[in-house]
N, C-alpha and C. Protein backbone atom coordinates (compact mmCIF):
# COMPACT_ATOMS: atom_id res chain seq x y z
N MET A 1 -5.83 13.84 0.49
CA MET A 1 -5.56 12.53 -0.21
C MET A 1 -6.90 12.05 -0.57
N ILE A 2 -6.99 11.45 -1.75
CA ILE A 2 -8.17 10.80 -2.27
C ILE A 2 -7.57 9.40 -2.49
N GLY A 3 -8.40 8.42 -2.03
CA GLY A 3 -8.08 6.95 -2.26
C GLY A 3 -9.17 5.98 -2.27
N LYS A 4 -8.69 4.83 -2.66
CA LYS A 4 -9.61 3.70 -2.82
C LYS A 4 -9.11 2.51 -2.13
N PHE A 5 -9.95 1.67 -1.66
CA PHE A 5 -9.54 0.28 -1.01
C PHE A 5 -10.36 -0.80 -1.69
N MET A 6 -9.69 -1.88 -1.80
CA MET A 6 -10.43 -3.02 -2.40
C MET A 6 -9.94 -4.27 -1.66
N ILE A 7 -10.89 -5.09 -1.08
CA ILE A 7 -10.58 -6.32 -0.49
C ILE A 7 -10.77 -7.57 -1.41
N ILE A 8 -9.81 -8.29 -1.74
CA ILE A 8 -9.91 -9.41 -2.66
C ILE A 8 -9.29 -10.65 -1.92
N GLY A 9 -10.19 -11.47 -1.33
CA GLY A 9 -9.78 -12.63 -0.55
C GLY A 9 -9.13 -12.10 0.69
N ASP A 10 -7.89 -12.59 0.86
CA ASP A 10 -7.15 -12.29 2.10
C ASP A 10 -6.16 -10.98 1.84
N THR A 11 -6.39 -10.20 0.70
CA THR A 11 -5.52 -9.24 0.44
C THR A 11 -6.29 -7.84 0.41
N VAL A 12 -5.73 -6.74 1.02
CA VAL A 12 -6.25 -5.55 0.87
C VAL A 12 -5.37 -4.62 0.03
N LEU A 13 -5.87 -4.05 -1.12
CA LEU A 13 -5.29 -3.23 -1.93
C LEU A 13 -5.66 -1.79 -1.75
N SER A 14 -4.73 -0.74 -1.84
CA SER A 14 -5.19 0.71 -1.78
C SER A 14 -4.34 1.43 -2.87
N SER A 15 -4.96 2.42 -3.26
CA SER A 15 -4.35 3.43 -4.04
C SER A 15 -4.73 4.84 -3.67
N TYR A 16 -3.94 5.71 -3.88
CA TYR A 16 -4.23 7.07 -3.42
C TYR A 16 -3.53 8.14 -4.33
N ILE A 17 -4.03 9.37 -4.35
CA ILE A 17 -3.48 10.47 -5.00
C ILE A 17 -3.69 11.76 -4.28
N SER A 18 -2.85 12.74 -4.20
CA SER A 18 -3.04 13.94 -3.47
C SER A 18 -4.05 14.76 -4.20
N GLU A 19 -4.74 15.64 -3.59
CA GLU A 19 -5.69 16.45 -4.24
C GLU A 19 -5.20 17.30 -5.45
N ASN A 20 -3.87 17.73 -5.28
CA ASN A 20 -3.29 18.51 -6.39
C ASN A 20 -2.65 17.63 -7.47
N GLY A 21 -2.75 16.25 -7.28
CA GLY A 21 -2.33 15.32 -8.30
C GLY A 21 -0.82 15.10 -8.32
N ILE A 22 -0.04 15.65 -7.35
CA ILE A 22 1.45 15.54 -7.42
C ILE A 22 1.83 14.14 -6.79
N TYR A 23 1.38 13.83 -5.65
CA TYR A 23 1.78 12.66 -4.96
C TYR A 23 0.72 11.57 -5.25
N SER A 24 1.23 10.25 -5.33
CA SER A 24 0.29 9.11 -5.57
C SER A 24 1.11 7.83 -5.15
N GLY A 25 0.33 6.78 -4.93
CA GLY A 25 0.91 5.61 -4.43
C GLY A 25 -0.07 4.45 -4.42
N THR A 26 0.49 3.22 -4.14
CA THR A 26 -0.20 2.08 -4.09
C THR A 26 0.42 1.15 -2.96
N GLU A 27 -0.47 0.42 -2.32
CA GLU A 27 -0.04 -0.41 -1.26
C GLU A 27 -0.89 -1.64 -1.28
N SER A 28 -0.24 -2.75 -0.80
CA SER A 28 -0.94 -4.04 -0.63
C SER A 28 -0.66 -4.66 0.77
N LEU A 29 -1.81 -5.21 1.37
CA LEU A 29 -1.59 -5.98 2.68
C LEU A 29 -1.95 -7.36 2.51
N PHE A 30 -1.13 -8.32 2.56
CA PHE A 30 -1.60 -9.77 2.29
C PHE A 30 -1.50 -10.46 3.64
N LYS A 31 -2.61 -11.21 3.91
CA LYS A 31 -2.49 -11.98 5.15
C LYS A 31 -1.94 -13.32 4.89
N ILE A 32 -0.82 -13.61 5.60
CA ILE A 32 -0.10 -14.94 5.37
C ILE A 32 -0.74 -15.97 6.28
N ASP A 33 -0.96 -15.59 7.60
CA ASP A 33 -1.65 -16.39 8.65
C ASP A 33 -2.28 -15.55 9.63
N GLU A 34 -2.66 -16.10 10.63
CA GLU A 34 -3.55 -15.42 11.86
C GLU A 34 -2.70 -14.31 12.46
N SER A 35 -1.23 -14.43 12.45
CA SER A 35 -0.43 -13.53 13.09
C SER A 35 0.62 -12.84 12.17
N THR A 36 0.57 -13.04 10.78
CA THR A 36 1.57 -12.54 10.08
C THR A 36 0.91 -11.99 8.73
N TYR A 37 1.37 -10.77 8.32
CA TYR A 37 0.94 -10.09 7.09
C TYR A 37 2.12 -9.58 6.42
N LEU A 38 2.05 -9.41 5.04
CA LEU A 38 3.13 -8.87 4.27
C LEU A 38 2.48 -7.55 3.51
N ASN A 39 3.25 -6.57 3.72
CA ASN A 39 2.87 -5.31 3.21
C ASN A 39 3.95 -4.94 2.22
N ARG A 40 3.38 -4.32 0.96
CA ARG A 40 4.33 -3.90 -0.12
C ARG A 40 3.73 -2.57 -0.60
N GLY A 41 4.52 -1.68 -1.13
CA GLY A 41 4.00 -0.45 -1.61
C GLY A 41 5.04 0.37 -2.35
N PHE A 42 4.54 1.48 -2.88
CA PHE A 42 5.39 2.43 -3.56
C PHE A 42 4.75 3.83 -3.52
N ALA A 43 5.51 4.94 -3.70
CA ALA A 43 4.97 6.31 -3.61
C ALA A 43 5.69 7.07 -4.72
N PHE A 44 5.06 7.98 -5.37
CA PHE A 44 5.69 8.88 -6.37
C PHE A 44 5.34 10.36 -6.04
N ASN A 45 6.27 11.13 -6.50
CA ASN A 45 6.14 12.47 -6.50
C ASN A 45 6.21 12.82 -8.00
N GLY A 46 4.98 13.16 -8.60
CA GLY A 46 4.96 13.29 -10.07
C GLY A 46 5.45 12.02 -10.71
N GLU A 47 6.50 12.18 -11.58
CA GLU A 47 7.03 11.00 -12.33
C GLU A 47 8.14 10.35 -11.54
N ASN A 48 8.58 10.86 -10.37
CA ASN A 48 9.76 10.45 -9.52
C ASN A 48 9.35 9.52 -8.53
N LYS A 49 10.10 8.53 -8.38
CA LYS A 49 9.79 7.56 -7.28
C LYS A 49 10.28 8.09 -5.93
N LEU A 50 9.42 8.26 -4.96
CA LEU A 50 9.74 8.69 -3.64
C LEU A 50 10.25 7.50 -2.83
N SER A 51 9.57 6.50 -2.90
CA SER A 51 9.84 5.37 -1.91
C SER A 51 9.07 4.09 -2.47
N SER A 52 9.77 2.88 -2.08
CA SER A 52 9.10 1.68 -2.14
C SER A 52 9.53 0.75 -0.97
N TRP A 53 8.60 -0.15 -0.57
CA TRP A 53 8.98 -0.90 0.58
C TRP A 53 8.40 -2.34 0.56
N GLU A 54 8.88 -3.12 1.35
CA GLU A 54 8.32 -4.51 1.73
C GLU A 54 8.53 -4.70 3.12
N VAL A 55 7.60 -5.00 3.88
CA VAL A 55 7.61 -5.33 5.27
C VAL A 55 6.85 -6.54 5.71
N LYS A 56 7.39 -7.38 6.54
CA LYS A 56 6.55 -8.46 7.16
C LYS A 56 6.13 -7.98 8.59
N LEU A 57 4.77 -8.07 8.84
CA LEU A 57 4.36 -7.59 10.05
C LEU A 57 4.07 -8.94 10.80
N GLU A 58 4.53 -9.14 12.08
CA GLU A 58 4.28 -10.27 12.95
C GLU A 58 3.73 -9.89 14.38
N ARG A 59 2.54 -10.52 14.70
CA ARG A 59 2.13 -10.30 16.07
C ARG A 59 3.00 -10.82 17.05
N LEU A 60 3.30 -10.15 18.20
CA LEU A 60 4.13 -10.62 19.27
C LEU A 60 3.30 -11.37 20.24
């Protein structure tokens, strides 16, 4: 995998692509507060959507 990360304020953005160029995706991690984050992303296999997600992460 080849990827890049960018931090903008309280958000981490990432993108990646496989070395053969078939798989790719993007993800974001947004800090809501000290114990809560929101993650969203998607993945592709060529032109076909593999997956997309949204998850809230909370510290216990």
